[in-house]
Amino acid sequence: MVLTAGSLALNNTGDTISIWDREGELRLRISYGPEGGLNQSLTRNPDLTGNFPLELHSEIPLAEGRLYSPGVKLDGAVFGICP
């Protein structure tokens, strides 16, 4: 399920993202620092299930030096059905 409400603006110098469910329970909170301004994605490794903190995209071997992979997995493959 994807939900959009307004816009999302994150700072390159650091920010905190919090996600709550319908009952108001905090489901996820993640923070990042100045690594957000290094002109590349911060991502989970492996895709979808990796632990936090987020990693610099280009430093993950599977990404083969790419700085980002919008809409696809680290290796460029398309996502299947999410768990």
PDB file of N, CA and C in Angstrom:
ATOM      1  N   MET A   1       0.840  -1.159   0.000  1.00  0.00           N
ATOM      2  CA  MET A   1       0.000   0.000   0.000  1.00  0.00           C
ATOM      3  C   MET A   1       0.892   1.232   0.000  1.00  0.00           C
ATOM      4  N   VAL A   2       0.538   2.193  -0.789  1.00  0.00           N
ATOM      5  CA  VAL A   2       1.272   3.453  -0.842  1.00  0.00           C
ATOM      6  C   VAL A   2       0.314   4.559  -0.456  1.00  0.00           C
ATOM      7  N   LEU A   3       0.756   5.428   0.400  1.00  0.00           N
ATOM      8  CA  LEU A   3      -0.054   6.558   0.834  1.00  0.00           C
ATOM      9  C   LEU A   3       0.743   7.828   0.618  1.00  0.00           C
ATOM     10  N   THR A   4       0.117   8.789   0.013  1.00  0.00           N
ATOM     11  CA  THR A   4       0.760  10.085  -0.121  1.00  0.00           C
ATOM     12  C   THR A   4      -0.144  11.127   0.502  1.00  0.00           C
ATOM     13  N   ALA A   5       0.467  12.059   1.155  1.00  0.00           N
ATOM     14  CA  ALA A   5      -0.285  13.137   1.793  1.00  0.00           C
ATOM     15  C   ALA A   5       0.568  14.395   1.764  1.00  0.00           C
ATOM     16  N   GLY A   6       0.330  15.215   0.789  1.00  0.00           N
ATOM     17  CA  GLY A   6       1.134  16.427   0.684  1.00  0.00           C
ATOM     18  C   GLY A   6       2.463  16.120   0.041  1.00  0.00           C
ATOM     19  N   SER A   7       3.518  16.662   0.633  1.00  0.00           N
ATOM     20  CA  SER A   7       4.843  16.461   0.068  1.00  0.00           C
ATOM     21  C   SER A   7       5.811  16.026   1.160  1.00  0.00           C
ATOM     22  N   LEU A   8       6.934  15.523   0.741  1.00  0.00           N
ATOM     23  CA  LEU A   8       7.975  15.089   1.647  1.00  0.00           C
ATOM     24  C   LEU A   8       9.234  15.855   1.296  1.00  0.00           C
ATOM     25  N   ALA A   9       9.837  16.468   2.261  1.00  0.00           N
ATOM     26  CA  ALA A   9      11.087  17.190   2.050  1.00  0.00           C
ATOM     27  C   ALA A   9      12.052  16.787   3.153  1.00  0.00           C
ATOM     28  N   LEU A  10      13.167  16.207   2.762  1.00  0.00           N
ATOM     29  CA  LEU A  10      14.178  15.770   3.717  1.00  0.00           C
ATOM     30  C   LEU A  10      15.426  16.634   3.562  1.00  0.00           C
ATOM     31  N   ASN A  11      16.091  16.893   4.652  1.00  0.00           N
ATOM     32  CA  ASN A  11      17.286  17.729   4.646  1.00  0.00           C
ATOM     33  C   ASN A  11      18.523  16.908   4.306  1.00  0.00           C
ATOM     34  N   ASN A  12      19.440  17.505   3.577  1.00  0.00           N
ATOM     35  CA  ASN A  12      20.696  16.833   3.256  1.00  0.00           C
ATOM     36  C   ASN A  12      21.622  16.755   4.466  1.00  0.00           C
ATOM     37  N   THR A  13      21.399  17.582   5.460  1.00  0.00           N
ATOM     38  CA  THR A  13      22.281  17.622   6.625  1.00  0.00           C
ATOM     39  C   THR A  13      21.839  16.687   7.734  1.00  0.00           C
ATOM     40  N   GLY A  14      20.698  16.027   7.544  1.00  0.00           N
ATOM     41  CA  GLY A  14      20.189  15.090   8.536  1.00  0.00           C
ATOM     42  C   GLY A  14      18.721  15.319   8.796  1.00  0.00           C
ATOM     43  N   ASP A  15      18.035  14.264   9.174  1.00  0.00           N
ATOM     44  CA  ASP A  15      16.609  14.355   9.439  1.00  0.00           C
ATOM     45  C   ASP A  15      16.166  13.081  10.140  1.00  0.00           C
ATOM     46  N   THR A  16      14.932  13.080  10.611  1.00  0.00           N
ATOM     47  CA  THR A  16      14.332  11.902  11.221  1.00  0.00           C
ATOM     48  C   THR A  16      13.011  11.627  10.534  1.00  0.00           C
ATOM     49  N   ILE A  17      12.785  10.364  10.184  1.00  0.00           N
ATOM     50  CA  ILE A  17      11.550   9.926   9.543  1.00  0.00           C
ATOM     51  C   ILE A  17      10.819   9.026  10.535  1.00  0.00           C
ATOM     52  N   SER A  18       9.555   9.333  10.791  1.00  0.00           N
ATOM     53  CA  SER A  18       8.737   8.538  11.713  1.00  0.00           C
ATOM     54  C   SER A  18       7.481   8.085  10.993  1.00  0.00           C
ATOM     55  N   ILE A  19       7.112   6.822  11.178  1.00  0.00           N
ATOM     56  CA  ILE A  19       5.908   6.266  10.554  1.00  0.00           C
ATOM     57  C   ILE A  19       5.041   5.655  11.642  1.00  0.00           C
ATOM     58  N   TRP A  20       3.769   6.086  11.690  1.00  0.00           N
ATOM     59  CA  TRP A  20       2.808   5.573  12.659  1.00  0.00           C
ATOM     60  C   TRP A  20       1.729   4.787  11.922  1.00  0.00           C
ATOM     61  N   ASP A  21       1.132   3.813  12.603  1.00  0.00           N
ATOM     62  CA  ASP A  21       0.017   3.085  12.014  1.00  0.00           C
ATOM     63  C   ASP A  21      -1.304   3.789  12.346  1.00  0.00           C
ATOM     64  N   ARG A  22      -2.416   3.202  11.910  1.00  0.00           N
ATOM     65  CA  ARG A  22      -3.737   3.819  12.108  1.00  0.00           C
ATOM     66  C   ARG A  22      -4.087   4.031  13.569  1.00  0.00           C
ATOM     67  N   GLU A  23      -3.573   3.174  14.434  1.00  0.00           N
ATOM     68  CA  GLU A  23      -3.882   3.286  15.857  1.00  0.00           C
ATOM     69  C   GLU A  23      -2.963   4.275  16.576  1.00  0.00           C
ATOM     70  N   GLY A  24      -2.085   4.906  15.840  1.00  0.00           N
ATOM     71  CA  GLY A  24      -1.179   5.877  16.434  1.00  0.00           C
ATOM     72  C   GLY A  24       0.066   5.270  17.039  1.00  0.00           C
ATOM     73  N   GLU A  25       0.320   3.981  16.760  1.00  0.00           N
ATOM     74  CA  GLU A  25       1.522   3.320  17.270  1.00  0.00           C
ATOM     75  C   GLU A  25       2.693   3.597  16.338  1.00  0.00           C
ATOM     76  N   LEU A  26       3.809   3.997  16.911  1.00  0.00           N
ATOM     77  CA  LEU A  26       5.011   4.239  16.124  1.00  0.00           C
ATOM     78  C   LEU A  26       5.516   2.909  15.573  1.00  0.00           C
ATOM     79  N   ARG A  27       5.638   2.800  14.257  1.00  0.00           N
ATOM     80  CA  ARG A  27       6.077   1.561  13.608  1.00  0.00           C
ATOM     81  C   ARG A  27       7.546   1.610  13.202  1.00  0.00           C
ATOM     82  N   LEU A  28       8.039   2.796  12.869  1.00  0.00           N
ATOM     83  CA  LEU A  28       9.423   2.923  12.424  1.00  0.00           C
ATOM     84  C   LEU A  28       9.885   4.348  12.662  1.00  0.00           C
ATOM     85  N   ARG A  29      11.088   4.479  13.137  1.00  0.00           N
ATOM     86  CA  ARG A  29      11.727   5.796  13.240  1.00  0.00           C
ATOM     87  C   ARG A  29      13.188   5.593  12.868  1.00  0.00           C
ATOM     88  N   ILE A  30      13.635   6.373  11.925  1.00  0.00           N
ATOM     89  CA  ILE A  30      15.022   6.286  11.488  1.00  0.00           C
ATOM     90  C   ILE A  30      15.567   7.693  11.300  1.00  0.00           C
ATOM     91  N   SER A  31      16.798   7.876  11.702  1.00  0.00           N
ATOM     92  CA  SER A  31      17.471   9.168  11.545  1.00  0.00           C
ATOM     93  C   SER A  31      18.718   8.973  10.703  1.00  0.00           C
ATOM     94  N   TYR A  32      19.112  10.029  10.036  1.00  0.00           N
ATOM     95  CA  TYR A  32      20.366  10.024   9.293  1.00  0.00           C
ATOM     96  C   TYR A  32      21.015  11.381   9.484  1.00  0.00           C
ATOM     97  N   GLY A  33      22.291  11.450   9.196  1.00  0.00           N
ATOM     98  CA  GLY A  33      23.051  12.680   9.393  1.00  0.00           C
ATOM     99  C   GLY A  33      23.548  13.262   8.085  1.00  0.00           C
ATOM    100  N   PRO A  34      24.721  13.881   8.109  1.00  0.00           N
ATOM    101  CA  PRO A  34      25.239  14.577   6.927  1.00  0.00           C
ATOM    102  C   PRO A  34      25.502  13.666   5.734  1.00  0.00           C
ATOM    103  N   GLU A  35      25.505  12.334   5.943  1.00  0.00           N
ATOM    104  CA  GLU A  35      25.664  11.421   4.803  1.00  0.00           C
ATOM    105  C   GLU A  35      24.514  11.592   3.808  1.00  0.00           C
ATOM    106  N   GLY A  36      23.423  12.216   4.229  1.00  0.00           N
ATOM    107  CA  GLY A  36      22.308  12.501   3.333  1.00  0.00           C
ATOM    108  C   GLY A  36      22.647  13.518   2.260  1.00  0.00           C
ATOM    109  N   GLY A  37      23.749  14.219   2.413  1.00  0.00           N
ATOM    110  CA  GLY A  37      24.149  15.233   1.438  1.00  0.00           C
ATOM    111  C   GLY A  37      25.280  14.793   0.531  1.00  0.00           C
ATOM    112  N   LEU A  38      25.520  13.488   0.400  1.00  0.00           N
ATOM    113  CA  LEU A  38      26.634  12.994  -0.409  1.00  0.00           C
ATOM    114  C   LEU A  38      26.236  12.646  -1.835  1.00  0.00           C
ATOM    115  N   ASN A  39      25.105  13.190  -2.300  1.00  0.00           N
ATOM    116  CA  ASN A  39      24.658  13.039  -3.691  1.00  0.00           C
ATOM    117  C   ASN A  39      24.479  11.589  -4.128  1.00  0.00           C
ATOM    118  N   GLN A  40      23.919  10.778  -3.218  1.00  0.00           N
ATOM    119  CA  GLN A  40      23.565   9.408  -3.551  1.00  0.00           C
ATOM    120  C   GLN A  40      22.508   8.925  -2.570  1.00  0.00           C
ATOM    121  N   SER A  41      21.870   7.832  -2.923  1.00  0.00           N
ATOM    122  CA  SER A  41      20.833   7.275  -2.072  1.00  0.00           C
ATOM    123  C   SER A  41      21.418   6.668  -0.811  1.00  0.00           C
ATOM    124  N   LEU A  42      20.603   6.692   0.237  1.00  0.00           N
ATOM    125  CA  LEU A  42      20.850   5.906   1.442  1.00  0.00           C
ATOM    126  C   LEU A  42      19.840   4.775   1.377  1.00  0.00           C
ATOM    127  N   THR A  43      20.263   3.547   1.566  1.00  0.00           N
ATOM    128  CA  THR A  43      19.382   2.418   1.312  1.00  0.00           C
ATOM    129  C   THR A  43      19.592   1.275   2.299  1.00  0.00           C
ATOM    130  N   ARG A  44      18.613   0.386   2.348  1.00  0.00           N
ATOM    131  CA  ARG A  44      18.732  -0.839   3.144  1.00  0.00           C
ATOM    132  C   ARG A  44      19.475  -1.887   2.335  1.00  0.00           C
ATOM    133  N   ASN A  45      20.238  -2.696   3.023  1.00  0.00           N
ATOM    134  CA  ASN A  45      20.984  -3.756   2.357  1.00  0.00           C
ATOM    135  C   ASN A  45      20.906  -5.008   3.211  1.00  0.00           C
ATOM    136  N   PRO A  46      20.247  -6.091   2.694  1.00  0.00           N
ATOM    137  CA  PRO A  46      19.665  -6.228   1.365  1.00  0.00           C
ATOM    138  C   PRO A  46      18.356  -5.442   1.222  1.00  0.00           C
ATOM    139  N   ASP A  47      17.928  -5.308  -0.034  1.00  0.00           N
ATOM    140  CA  ASP A  47      16.691  -4.584  -0.337  1.00  0.00           C
ATOM    141  C   ASP A  47      15.549  -5.048   0.558  1.00  0.00           C
ATOM    142  N   LEU A  48      14.736  -4.125   1.013  1.00  0.00           N
ATOM    143  CA  LEU A  48      13.525  -4.349   1.803  1.00  0.00           C
ATOM    144  C   LEU A  48      13.762  -4.877   3.214  1.00  0.00           C
ATOM    145  N   THR A  49      14.700  -5.771   3.405  1.00  0.00           N
ATOM    146  CA  THR A  49      14.830  -6.451   4.687  1.00  0.00           C
ATOM    147  C   THR A  49      16.086  -6.094   5.469  1.00  0.00           C
ATOM    148  N   GLY A  50      16.977  -5.324   4.881  1.00  0.00           N
ATOM    149  CA  GLY A  50      18.231  -4.996   5.539  1.00  0.00           C
ATOM    150  C   GLY A  50      18.034  -4.229   6.832  1.00  0.00           C
ATOM    151  N   ASN A  51      18.989  -4.377   7.707  1.00  0.00           N
ATOM    152  CA  ASN A  51      18.948  -3.675   8.981  1.00  0.00           C
ATOM    153  C   ASN A  51      19.292  -2.207   8.807  1.00  0.00           C
ATOM    154  N   PHE A  52      19.017  -1.454   9.820  1.00  0.00           N
ATOM    155  CA  PHE A  52      19.398  -0.053   9.855  1.00  0.00           C
ATOM    156  C   PHE A  52      20.680   0.062  10.659  1.00  0.00           C
ATOM    157  N   PRO A  53      21.539   1.016  10.473  1.00  0.00           N
ATOM    158  CA  PRO A  53      21.303   2.236   9.712  1.00  0.00           C
ATOM    159  C   PRO A  53      21.378   2.005   8.201  1.00  0.00           C
ATOM    160  N   LEU A  54      20.883   2.996   7.466  1.00  0.00           N
ATOM    161  CA  LEU A  54      20.935   2.944   6.017  1.00  0.00           C
ATOM    162  C   LEU A  54      22.391   3.021   5.563  1.00  0.00           C
ATOM    163  N   GLU A  55      22.653   2.480   4.390  1.00  0.00           N
ATOM    164  CA  GLU A  55      24.010   2.465   3.842  1.00  0.00           C
ATOM    165  C   GLU A  55      24.089   3.346   2.602  1.00  0.00           C
ATOM    166  N   LEU A  56      25.284   3.864   2.332  1.00  0.00           N
ATOM    167  CA  LEU A  56      25.505   4.615   1.097  1.00  0.00           C
ATOM    168  C   LEU A  56      25.390   3.651  -0.075  1.00  0.00           C
ATOM    169  N   HIS A  57      24.573   4.008  -1.039  1.00  0.00           N
ATOM    170  CA  HIS A  57      24.271   3.135  -2.176  1.00  0.00           C
ATOM    171  C   HIS A  57      25.534   2.659  -2.888  1.00  0.00           C
ATOM    172  N   SER A  58      26.445   3.563  -3.169  1.00  0.00           N
ATOM    173  CA  SER A  58      27.631   3.206  -3.961  1.00  0.00           C
ATOM    174  C   SER A  58      28.585   2.282  -3.220  1.00  0.00           C
ATOM    175  N   GLU A  59      28.455   2.169  -1.901  1.00  0.00           N
ATOM    176  CA  GLU A  59      29.359   1.321  -1.127  1.00  0.00           C
ATOM    177  C   GLU A  59      28.871  -0.116  -0.980  1.00  0.00           C
ATOM    178  N   ILE A  60      27.696  -0.413  -1.518  1.00  0.00           N
ATOM    179  CA  ILE A  60      27.157  -1.771  -1.467  1.00  0.00           C
ATOM    180  C   ILE A  60      27.622  -2.508  -2.725  1.00  0.00           C
ATOM    181  N   PRO A  61      28.358  -3.604  -2.573  1.00  0.00           N
ATOM    182  CA  PRO A  61      28.925  -4.291  -3.746  1.00  0.00           C
ATOM    183  C   PRO A  61      27.905  -4.607  -4.844  1.00  0.00           C
ATOM    184  N   LEU A  62      26.706  -5.031  -4.471  1.00  0.00           N
ATOM    185  CA  LEU A  62      25.686  -5.388  -5.454  1.00  0.00           C
ATOM    186  C   LEU A  62      25.299  -4.210  -6.352  1.00  0.00           C
ATOM    187  N   ALA A  63      25.460  -2.979  -5.867  1.00  0.00           N
ATOM    188  CA  ALA A  63      25.105  -1.781  -6.638  1.00  0.00           C
ATOM    189  C   ALA A  63      26.150  -1.436  -7.699  1.00  0.00           C
ATOM    190  N   GLU A  64      27.301  -2.087  -7.643  1.00  0.00           N
ATOM    191  CA  GLU A  64      28.371  -1.880  -8.627  1.00  0.00           C
ATOM    192  C   GLU A  64      28.705  -0.414  -8.853  1.00  0.00           C
ATOM    193  N   GLY A  65      28.756   0.362  -7.768  1.00  0.00           N
ATOM    194  CA  GLY A  65      29.171   1.757  -7.844  1.00  0.00           C
ATOM    195  C   GLY A  65      28.080   2.743  -8.202  1.00  0.00           C
ATOM    196  N   ARG A  66      26.879   2.269  -8.560  1.00  0.00           N
ATOM    197  CA  ARG A  66      25.790   3.193  -8.900  1.00  0.00           C
ATOM    198  C   ARG A  66      25.426   4.014  -7.661  1.00  0.00           C
ATOM    199  N   LEU A  67      25.031   5.250  -7.882  1.00  0.00           N
ATOM    200  CA  LEU A  67      24.693   6.149  -6.785  1.00  0.00           C
ATOM    201  C   LEU A  67      23.253   6.007  -6.320  1.00  0.00           C
ATOM    202  N   TYR A  68      22.408   5.434  -7.139  1.00  0.00           N
ATOM    203  CA  TYR A  68      20.994   5.285  -6.792  1.00  0.00           C
ATOM    204  C   TYR A  68      20.366   4.250  -7.715  1.00  0.00           C
ATOM    205  N   SER A  69      19.196   3.753  -7.315  1.00  0.00           N
ATOM    206  CA  SER A  69      18.469   2.775  -8.138  1.00  0.00           C
ATOM    207  C   SER A  69      16.976   3.010  -7.939  1.00  0.00           C
ATOM    208  N   PRO A  70      16.475   4.158  -8.392  1.00  0.00           N
ATOM    209  CA  PRO A  70      15.076   4.490  -8.125  1.00  0.00           C
ATOM    210  C   PRO A  70      14.099   3.497  -8.743  1.00  0.00           C
ATOM    211  N   GLY A  71      13.254   2.912  -7.897  1.00  0.00           N
ATOM    212  CA  GLY A  71      12.202   2.024  -8.360  1.00  0.00           C
ATOM    213  C   GLY A  71      12.635   0.602  -8.650  1.00  0.00           C
ATOM    214  N   VAL A  72      13.916   0.312  -8.489  1.00  0.00           N
ATOM    215  CA  VAL A  72      14.403  -1.047  -8.718  1.00  0.00           C
ATOM    216  C   VAL A  72      15.312  -1.464  -7.564  1.00  0.00           C
ATOM    217  N   LYS A  73      15.688  -2.728  -7.552  1.00  0.00           N
ATOM    218  CA  LYS A  73      16.584  -3.245  -6.525  1.00  0.00           C
ATOM    219  C   LYS A  73      17.996  -2.693  -6.704  1.00  0.00           C
ATOM    220  N   LEU A  74      18.837  -2.949  -5.733  1.00  0.00           N
ATOM    221  CA  LEU A  74      20.226  -2.492  -5.782  1.00  0.00           C
ATOM    222  C   LEU A  74      20.942  -2.908  -7.060  1.00  0.00           C
ATOM    223  N   ASP A  75      20.636  -4.114  -7.557  1.00  0.00           N
ATOM    224  CA  ASP A  75      21.302  -4.616  -8.751  1.00  0.00           C
ATOM    225  C   ASP A  75      20.604  -4.212 -10.046  1.00  0.00           C
ATOM    226  N   GLY A  76      19.548  -3.404  -9.950  1.00  0.00           N
ATOM    227  CA  GLY A  76      18.818  -2.948 -11.127  1.00  0.00           C
ATOM    228  C   GLY A  76      17.637  -3.823 -11.507  1.00  0.00           C
ATOM    229  N   ALA A  77      17.460  -4.961 -10.840  1.00  0.00           N
ATOM    230  CA  ALA A  77      16.321  -5.846 -11.133  1.00  0.00           C
ATOM    231  C   ALA A  77      15.027  -5.236 -10.596  1.00  0.00           C
ATOM    232  N   VAL A  78      13.914  -5.570 -11.211  1.00  0.00           N
ATOM    233  CA  VAL A  78      12.635  -5.063 -10.747  1.00  0.00           C
ATOM    234  C   VAL A  78      12.190  -5.810  -9.494  1.00  0.00           C
ATOM    235  N   PHE A  79      11.445  -5.124  -8.639  1.00  0.00           N
ATOM    236  CA  PHE A  79      10.891  -5.748  -7.448  1.00  0.00           C
ATOM    237  C   PHE A  79       9.753  -6.655  -7.846  1.00  0.00           C
ATOM    238  N   GLY A  80       9.625  -7.763  -7.147  1.00  0.00           N
ATOM    239  CA  GLY A  80       8.476  -8.640  -7.307  1.00  0.00           C
ATOM    240  C   GLY A  80       7.432  -8.235  -6.290  1.00  0.00           C
ATOM    241  N   ILE A  81       6.666  -9.185  -5.832  1.00  0.00           N
ATOM    242  CA  ILE A  81       5.667  -8.921  -4.812  1.00  0.00           C
ATOM    243  C   ILE A  81       6.373  -8.756  -3.471  1.00  0.00           C
ATOM    244  N   CYS A  82       6.078  -7.665  -2.782  1.00  0.00           N
ATOM    245  CA  CYS A  82       6.725  -7.382  -1.503  1.00  0.00           C
ATOM    246  C   CYS A  82       6.250  -8.343  -0.432  1.00  0.00           C
ATOM    247  N   PRO A  83       7.164  -8.662   0.502  1.00  0.00           N
ATOM    248  CA  PRO A  83       6.762  -9.573   1.597  1.00  0.00           C
ATOM    249  C   PRO A  83       5.748  -8.927   2.517  1.00  0.00           C
TER     250      PRO A  83
END
